[in-house]
Amino acid sequence: MTLLPLVHRFRKRIGFFQKLQDAAAEILVLAPEEKNQRLAAISLPAQIDRIRAVQSDTSLDYEASRLTSGEINHTPTRAFLLKNAWYINGVIFAGNAREPQVPERESLISFEKTKHLTRAAFPSSLVGSQYFGHHVVDDSATTLLANEFGPVFRAPAKAARTWPHAAAYRTRLNIEAPVLTKARVAEAWVFQDWGMTGHRRDRLIKLRLQLRDTPGSRIGHGVFLRRRGSGAARLLANEQEIEEKLSSLGFEIIDPTNDSIESIIMRCRDAGIVVGVEGSGLAHGFLSCAPNAKFLVLQHPYRFNNVWKDFTDALEMRYAFLVGEGTKDSFHISPDELCATLDLLSF
């Protein structure tokens, strides 16, 4: 039994709290801060005027900056060594620092059996424990990094248990790691790995290459990743109409909720255009599409978010978006506007 979570909350209330970098015994800069240029997103006129709200963890100003051309700063890739750390249900404690890798609050009193580890590396992230796309892209890329620092362990993310292809991707990407619930770790390594530095871009490319052993069915084609109401609330009310339009244009219609991972990878491989509602499902296309692919992201007017532009910019893919119209519960996309945006991407 340990009372550490309870003790930490008490210490924080009285002002004894450290940031991760202050608690670290050593900080390694694996890639310095970088400045790069990015291209503006492609869209039809007045798309921004349709936005009613953004996703809860972002802001309209930040999303607007993602869409513009110009210079972008990438934070450094860093590794932090925490000595005599505790890992309890996805949260790392060291000194007076607390570093969560899962969104759930840990129990104030922990009764699980404690493992004792000399060294361990923890690549999981808060976003990767909540969203499938970040789990199979972000956390997978960090796992490649973590392998150099010791035995790797995954956080006990509750959401990951419900994702049908998460385990299969970890196996295919050769990054499988056991889940850890509770341990005392003499040397624990955690990572700051969200800036699109050259170090991280190389690992994203390596992940994509890992899937190349599955032969593709076509080259340069388009794929549409349907949602059919899965995932977070981004219901595309006329999805069937959009599917029929894209199918008539030769697009592959992929259903990640029902298709096998082999079928998804085979049909996404070497795709020249990836279309889908903004969300984690686009990870399937990102991992398997052609190196010079183009993305067209269909946006819910109340959940506007362009996280995939960070990834397409990093690998020099073009990014376009189309904002639908509707309510907080559902939205629709004009087939004519869809085709017009695809025409813009063809130039």
Protein backbone atom coordinates (compact mmCIF):
# COMPACT_ATOMS: atom_id res chain seq x y z
CA MET A 1 0.00 0.00 0.00
CA THR A 2 1.15 3.54 -0.70
CA LEU A 3 -0.30 6.92 0.31
CA LEU A 4 1.86 8.83 -2.17
CA PRO A 5 -1.01 10.27 -4.30
CA LEU A 6 -2.68 11.59 -1.14
CA VAL A 7 0.59 12.97 0.19
CA HIS A 8 1.32 14.66 -3.13
CA ARG A 9 -2.04 16.45 -3.14
CA PHE A 10 -1.40 17.71 0.39
CA ARG A 11 2.09 18.93 -0.54
CA LYS A 12 0.72 20.74 -3.60
CA ARG A 13 -1.88 22.56 -1.48
CA ILE A 14 0.82 23.95 0.78
CA GLY A 15 3.05 24.97 -2.12
CA PHE A 16 5.48 22.06 -2.40
CA PHE A 17 5.15 21.35 -6.09
CA GLN A 18 7.75 20.94 -8.84
CA LYS A 19 7.56 20.96 -12.59
CA LEU A 20 8.96 17.98 -14.43
CA GLN A 21 12.18 19.74 -15.41
CA ASP A 22 12.80 20.80 -11.82
CA ALA A 23 12.45 17.27 -10.49
CA ALA A 24 14.68 15.71 -13.17
CA ALA A 25 18.15 14.53 -12.20
CA GLU A 26 19.22 14.87 -15.82
CA ILE A 27 17.74 16.42 -18.97
CA LEU A 28 18.96 15.35 -22.39
CA VAL A 29 18.23 17.51 -25.43
CA LEU A 30 17.87 14.95 -28.20
CA ALA A 31 16.95 17.54 -30.84
CA PRO A 32 17.13 21.31 -30.37
CA GLU A 33 14.36 23.76 -31.08
CA GLU A 34 13.81 24.20 -34.81
CA LYS A 35 12.30 26.83 -37.05
CA ASN A 36 10.66 25.76 -40.29
CA GLN A 37 8.37 27.15 -42.96
CA ARG A 38 4.88 25.82 -43.54
CA LEU A 39 2.45 26.22 -46.40
CA ALA A 40 -1.01 27.68 -46.02
CA ALA A 41 -3.94 25.28 -45.93
CA ILE A 42 -6.08 25.00 -49.06
CA SER A 43 -9.78 25.86 -48.85
CA LEU A 44 -12.69 27.47 -50.63
CA PRO A 45 -13.40 31.13 -49.77
CA ALA A 46 -15.07 32.12 -46.47
CA GLN A 47 -14.65 28.76 -44.75
CA ILE A 48 -13.53 30.40 -41.52
CA ASP A 49 -16.84 32.30 -41.38
CA ARG A 50 -18.69 29.00 -40.87
CA ILE A 51 -16.86 28.13 -37.67
CA ARG A 52 -19.10 28.27 -34.60
CA ALA A 53 -16.74 26.73 -32.03
CA VAL A 54 -13.45 24.88 -31.80
CA GLN A 55 -12.60 21.64 -30.04
CA SER A 56 -12.36 22.08 -26.27
CA ASP A 57 -8.57 21.80 -26.01
CA THR A 58 -7.69 24.46 -28.57
CA SER A 59 -8.60 28.05 -29.56
CA LEU A 60 -9.71 29.77 -32.74
CA ASP A 61 -6.56 31.93 -32.81
CA TYR A 62 -4.36 28.86 -32.57
CA GLU A 63 -6.29 27.03 -35.28
CA ALA A 64 -6.08 30.06 -37.55
CA SER A 65 -2.31 30.16 -37.07
CA ARG A 66 -2.07 26.49 -38.07
CA LEU A 67 -3.76 27.28 -41.38
CA THR A 68 -1.49 30.15 -42.41
CA SER A 69 1.86 30.06 -44.16
CA GLY A 70 5.02 31.29 -42.52
CA GLU A 71 7.56 30.35 -39.90
CA ILE A 72 6.77 27.83 -37.18
CA ASN A 73 8.79 27.05 -34.05
CA HIS A 74 9.15 23.41 -33.02
CA THR A 75 9.87 22.73 -29.34
CA PRO A 76 12.94 20.58 -28.62
CA THR A 77 12.80 16.83 -28.19
CA ARG A 78 13.94 16.10 -24.63
CA ALA A 79 14.34 13.17 -22.24
CA PHE A 80 14.00 13.59 -18.46
CA LEU A 81 15.59 11.26 -15.93
CA LEU A 82 13.61 10.91 -12.70
CA LYS A 83 15.31 9.05 -9.88
CA ASN A 84 13.54 7.04 -7.19
CA ALA A 85 10.21 7.53 -8.96
CA TRP A 86 6.85 5.90 -8.45
CA TYR A 87 4.56 4.87 -11.29
CA ILE A 88 0.98 4.50 -10.10
CA ASN A 89 -1.88 3.82 -12.53
CA GLY A 90 -0.42 5.95 -15.32
CA VAL A 91 0.96 8.77 -13.16
CA ILE A 92 4.66 9.32 -12.42
CA PHE A 93 5.73 10.79 -9.07
CA ALA A 94 9.26 12.02 -8.44
CA GLY A 95 10.30 14.49 -5.76
CA ASN A 96 7.41 16.95 -5.59
CA ALA A 97 6.49 16.49 -9.27
CA ARG A 98 3.52 14.65 -10.70
CA GLU A 99 3.45 13.74 -14.41
CA PRO A 100 0.15 12.20 -15.60
CA GLN A 101 0.06 10.00 -18.69
CA VAL A 102 -3.65 9.18 -18.41
CA PRO A 103 -6.61 11.57 -17.96
CA GLU A 104 -8.13 9.66 -15.04
CA ARG A 105 -7.27 10.67 -11.49
CA GLU A 106 -5.39 8.01 -9.62
CA SER A 107 -6.77 6.58 -6.38
CA LEU A 108 -5.60 8.43 -3.29
CA ILE A 109 -4.54 5.14 -1.73
CA SER A 110 -3.01 2.42 -3.90
CA PHE A 111 -3.25 -1.23 -2.90
CA GLU A 112 -1.81 -2.85 -6.06
CA LYS A 113 1.28 -4.99 -5.77
CA THR A 114 4.43 -2.94 -6.34
CA LYS A 115 7.04 -3.96 -8.90
CA HIS A 116 10.62 -2.85 -8.37
CA LEU A 117 12.43 -1.75 -11.52
CA THR A 118 16.01 -0.60 -11.93
CA ARG A 119 15.24 1.36 -15.08
CA ALA A 120 12.18 2.00 -17.25
CA ALA A 121 11.05 4.30 -20.06
CA PHE A 122 7.51 5.69 -20.32
CA PRO A 123 6.44 6.96 -23.79
CA SER A 124 2.68 7.28 -23.19
CA SER A 125 1.02 10.71 -23.26
CA LEU A 126 -2.20 12.30 -22.05
CA VAL A 127 -3.52 12.73 -25.59
CA GLY A 128 -2.38 9.26 -26.60
CA SER A 129 -4.35 7.79 -23.71
CA GLN A 130 -7.51 9.58 -24.87
CA TYR A 131 -7.42 9.51 -28.68
CA PHE A 132 -6.70 6.61 -31.02
CA GLY A 133 -4.88 8.78 -33.56
CA HIS A 134 -2.41 10.14 -31.02
CA HIS A 135 -1.99 6.66 -29.56
CA VAL A 136 -0.89 5.04 -32.84
CA VAL A 137 1.06 8.03 -34.19
CA ASP A 138 2.40 10.20 -31.34
CA ASP A 139 2.94 7.52 -28.71
CA SER A 140 4.28 5.08 -31.31
CA ALA A 141 6.88 7.62 -32.44
CA THR A 142 7.89 8.27 -28.83
CA THR A 143 8.15 4.54 -28.19
CA LEU A 144 10.83 4.30 -30.89
CA LEU A 145 12.71 6.93 -28.92
CA ALA A 146 12.04 5.32 -25.53
CA ASN A 147 13.49 1.98 -26.66
CA GLU A 148 16.95 3.57 -26.42
CA PHE A 149 16.54 4.36 -22.70
CA GLY A 150 15.45 1.10 -21.12
CA PRO A 151 12.57 -1.35 -20.90
CA VAL A 152 9.43 0.36 -22.19
CA PHE A 153 6.03 0.28 -20.44
CA ARG A 154 2.64 1.61 -21.56
CA ALA A 155 0.17 3.48 -19.42
CA PRO A 156 -3.04 1.66 -18.39
CA ALA A 157 -5.22 3.83 -20.63
CA LYS A 158 -8.87 2.88 -20.27
CA ALA A 159 -9.90 4.27 -23.66
CA ALA A 160 -7.30 2.17 -25.50
CA ARG A 161 -9.09 -1.01 -24.49
CA THR A 162 -12.02 -0.07 -26.75
CA TRP A 163 -10.03 0.77 -29.90
CA PRO A 164 -10.31 -2.23 -32.25
CA HIS A 165 -7.03 -1.69 -34.13
CA ALA A 166 -4.75 -0.24 -31.44
CA ALA A 167 -3.10 -3.53 -30.46
CA ALA A 168 -2.77 -4.63 -34.08
CA TYR A 169 -0.99 -1.40 -35.00
CA ARG A 170 1.41 -1.76 -32.08
CA THR A 171 2.26 -5.25 -33.30
CA ARG A 172 2.62 -4.19 -36.94
CA LEU A 173 4.76 -1.20 -35.95
CA ASN A 174 6.89 -3.42 -33.71
CA ILE A 175 6.43 -1.21 -30.66
CA GLU A 176 4.45 -3.47 -28.36
CA ALA A 177 5.14 -2.86 -24.66
CA PRO A 178 3.53 -4.24 -21.50
CA VAL A 179 1.09 -2.17 -19.46
CA LEU A 180 2.37 -1.15 -16.05
CA THR A 181 0.08 -0.33 -13.13
CA LYS A 182 2.36 0.23 -10.15
CA ALA A 183 6.12 0.24 -9.68
CA ARG A 184 8.99 1.81 -7.81
CA VAL A 185 11.61 2.79 -10.41
CA ALA A 186 15.19 3.67 -9.58
CA GLU A 187 15.66 5.46 -12.92
CA ALA A 188 12.56 6.48 -14.89
CA TRP A 189 12.78 8.23 -18.27
CA VAL A 190 9.94 10.37 -19.61
CA PHE A 191 9.88 12.49 -22.74
CA GLN A 192 8.87 15.84 -24.23
CA ASP A 193 8.23 14.81 -27.81
CA TRP A 194 5.62 16.91 -29.53
CA GLY A 195 7.69 19.42 -31.50
CA MET A 196 8.09 18.33 -35.12
CA THR A 197 11.87 18.32 -34.97
CA GLY A 198 13.95 16.42 -37.51
CA HIS A 199 14.42 13.72 -34.88
CA ARG A 200 10.68 13.22 -34.62
CA ARG A 201 10.04 13.48 -38.35
CA ASP A 202 12.54 10.68 -38.94
CA ARG A 203 10.65 8.46 -36.51
CA LEU A 204 7.30 9.23 -38.17
CA ILE A 205 8.82 8.18 -41.49
CA LYS A 206 10.18 5.00 -39.89
CA LEU A 207 6.68 4.12 -38.62
CA ARG A 208 5.28 4.55 -42.11
CA LEU A 209 8.01 2.39 -43.62
CA GLN A 210 7.24 -0.35 -41.10
CA LEU A 211 3.87 -0.89 -42.81
CA ARG A 212 5.30 -1.18 -46.32
CA ASP A 213 5.42 -4.99 -46.23
CA THR A 214 1.67 -5.07 -46.90
CA PRO A 215 1.24 -4.79 -50.68
CA GLY A 216 -1.11 -2.05 -51.81
CA SER A 217 -4.04 -2.48 -54.13
CA ARG A 218 -3.52 0.77 -56.09
CA ILE A 219 -1.21 3.78 -56.42
CA GLY A 220 -2.17 7.45 -56.30
CA HIS A 221 -5.86 6.77 -55.66
CA GLY A 222 -8.19 8.47 -53.21
CA VAL A 223 -9.53 7.00 -49.97
CA PHE A 224 -12.45 8.09 -47.83
CA LEU A 225 -12.35 7.05 -44.16
CA ARG A 226 -15.94 6.81 -43.04
CA ARG A 227 -16.98 7.27 -39.42
CA ARG A 228 -20.59 6.13 -39.28
CA GLY A 229 -21.06 7.75 -35.87
CA SER A 230 -17.95 6.24 -34.24
CA GLY A 231 -15.63 8.14 -31.93
CA ALA A 232 -16.30 11.65 -30.60
CA ALA A 233 -19.47 13.50 -31.59
CA ARG A 234 -18.81 14.52 -35.20
CA LEU A 235 -21.84 13.00 -36.92
CA LEU A 236 -21.75 13.64 -40.65
CA ALA A 237 -25.46 13.47 -41.41
CA ASN A 238 -25.06 12.96 -45.18
CA GLU A 239 -22.08 10.63 -45.01
CA GLN A 240 -23.78 8.13 -47.33
CA GLU A 241 -24.19 10.85 -49.96
CA ILE A 242 -20.52 11.81 -49.62
CA GLU A 243 -19.48 8.17 -49.93
CA GLU A 244 -21.49 7.75 -53.11
CA LYS A 245 -20.00 10.91 -54.63
CA LEU A 246 -16.43 9.89 -53.81
CA SER A 247 -17.02 6.32 -54.92
CA SER A 248 -18.16 7.63 -58.30
CA LEU A 249 -14.82 9.45 -58.51
CA GLY A 250 -12.90 6.22 -57.92
CA PHE A 251 -12.24 6.60 -54.20
CA GLU A 252 -11.87 3.57 -51.94
CA ILE A 253 -14.44 3.69 -49.13
CA ILE A 254 -12.85 2.39 -45.94
CA ASP A 255 -14.74 1.53 -42.78
CA PRO A 256 -12.26 1.31 -39.85
CA THR A 257 -15.00 0.12 -37.49
CA ASN A 258 -15.48 -3.08 -39.49
CA ASP A 259 -12.53 -3.57 -41.86
CA SER A 260 -9.49 -5.58 -40.76
CA ILE A 261 -6.21 -3.80 -40.24
CA GLU A 262 -4.71 -5.66 -43.20
CA SER A 263 -7.52 -4.43 -45.46
CA ILE A 264 -7.17 -0.87 -44.17
CA ILE A 265 -3.41 -0.76 -44.69
CA MET A 266 -3.60 -2.42 -48.11
CA ARG A 267 -6.24 0.01 -49.41
CA CYS A 268 -4.69 3.12 -47.83
CA ARG A 269 -1.19 2.31 -48.99
CA ASP A 270 0.11 4.78 -51.59
CA ALA A 271 -3.16 6.73 -51.62
CA GLY A 272 -2.68 10.13 -53.23
CA ILE A 273 -5.65 11.79 -51.50
CA VAL A 274 -7.05 11.05 -48.04
CA VAL A 275 -10.51 12.40 -47.17
CA GLY A 276 -12.28 12.06 -43.84
CA VAL A 277 -14.01 13.82 -40.99
CA GLU A 278 -11.52 15.47 -38.63
CA GLY A 279 -10.53 12.98 -35.95
CA SER A 280 -8.46 9.97 -35.06
CA GLY A 281 -9.62 7.90 -38.03
CA LEU A 282 -7.32 9.92 -40.28
CA ALA A 283 -4.38 8.16 -38.61
CA HIS A 284 -5.05 5.16 -40.86
CA GLY A 285 -4.49 7.30 -43.92
CA PHE A 286 -1.50 9.15 -42.49
CA LEU A 287 0.40 5.97 -41.67
CA SER A 288 -0.08 4.32 -45.05
CA CYS A 289 -0.63 6.99 -47.72
CA ALA A 290 1.85 8.02 -50.41
CA PRO A 291 4.78 10.23 -49.30
CA ASN A 292 3.38 13.18 -51.28
CA ALA A 293 -0.28 12.61 -50.39
CA LYS A 294 -2.87 15.35 -49.94
CA PHE A 295 -5.38 15.50 -47.08
CA LEU A 296 -8.87 16.93 -47.24
CA VAL A 297 -10.32 17.18 -43.73
CA LEU A 298 -14.08 17.61 -43.30
CA GLN A 299 -14.72 19.89 -40.34
CA HIS A 300 -17.65 19.99 -37.93
CA PRO A 301 -18.51 23.71 -37.50
CA TYR A 302 -18.69 23.31 -33.71
CA ARG A 303 -15.51 21.18 -33.31
CA PHE A 304 -13.01 22.91 -35.59
CA ASN A 305 -9.51 21.49 -35.19
CA ASN A 306 -6.52 21.08 -37.50
CA VAL A 307 -4.15 18.86 -35.57
CA TRP A 308 -3.43 16.80 -38.70
CA LYS A 309 -1.94 19.84 -40.39
CA ASP A 310 0.98 19.61 -37.96
CA PHE A 311 1.66 16.11 -39.28
CA THR A 312 1.11 16.84 -42.96
CA ASP A 313 3.35 19.91 -42.69
CA ALA A 314 6.05 17.81 -41.04
CA LEU A 315 6.13 15.29 -43.90
CA GLU A 316 5.57 17.89 -46.64
CA MET A 317 2.07 16.75 -47.54
CA ARG A 318 -0.58 19.27 -48.60
CA TYR A 319 -3.55 19.97 -46.34
CA ALA A 320 -7.04 21.19 -47.23
CA PHE A 321 -10.18 21.62 -45.16
CA LEU A 322 -13.88 22.06 -45.76
CA VAL A 323 -16.20 23.32 -43.02
CA GLY A 324 -19.69 21.87 -43.01
CA GLU A 325 -22.90 23.42 -41.81
CA GLY A 326 -25.26 22.14 -39.13
CA THR A 327 -25.82 21.99 -35.39
CA LYS A 328 -23.82 20.84 -32.39
CA ASP A 329 -25.26 17.36 -32.87
CA SER A 330 -24.58 16.85 -36.58
CA PHE A 331 -23.42 18.55 -39.75
CA HIS A 332 -23.50 18.04 -43.48
CA ILE A 333 -21.03 18.60 -46.29
CA SER A 334 -22.04 19.88 -49.71
CA PRO A 335 -20.99 17.34 -52.39
CA ASP A 336 -20.45 20.23 -54.83
CA GLU A 337 -18.14 22.02 -52.38
CA LEU A 338 -16.35 18.75 -51.76
CA CYS A 339 -15.62 18.36 -55.46
CA ALA A 340 -14.60 22.02 -55.76
CA THR A 341 -12.09 21.61 -52.91
CA LEU A 342 -10.72 18.44 -54.51
CA ASP A 343 -10.23 20.48 -57.68
CA LEU A 344 -8.17 23.01 -55.69
CA LEU A 345 -5.97 20.18 -54.43
CA SER A 346 -5.30 18.97 -57.96
CA PHE A 347 -3.32 22.11 -58.88
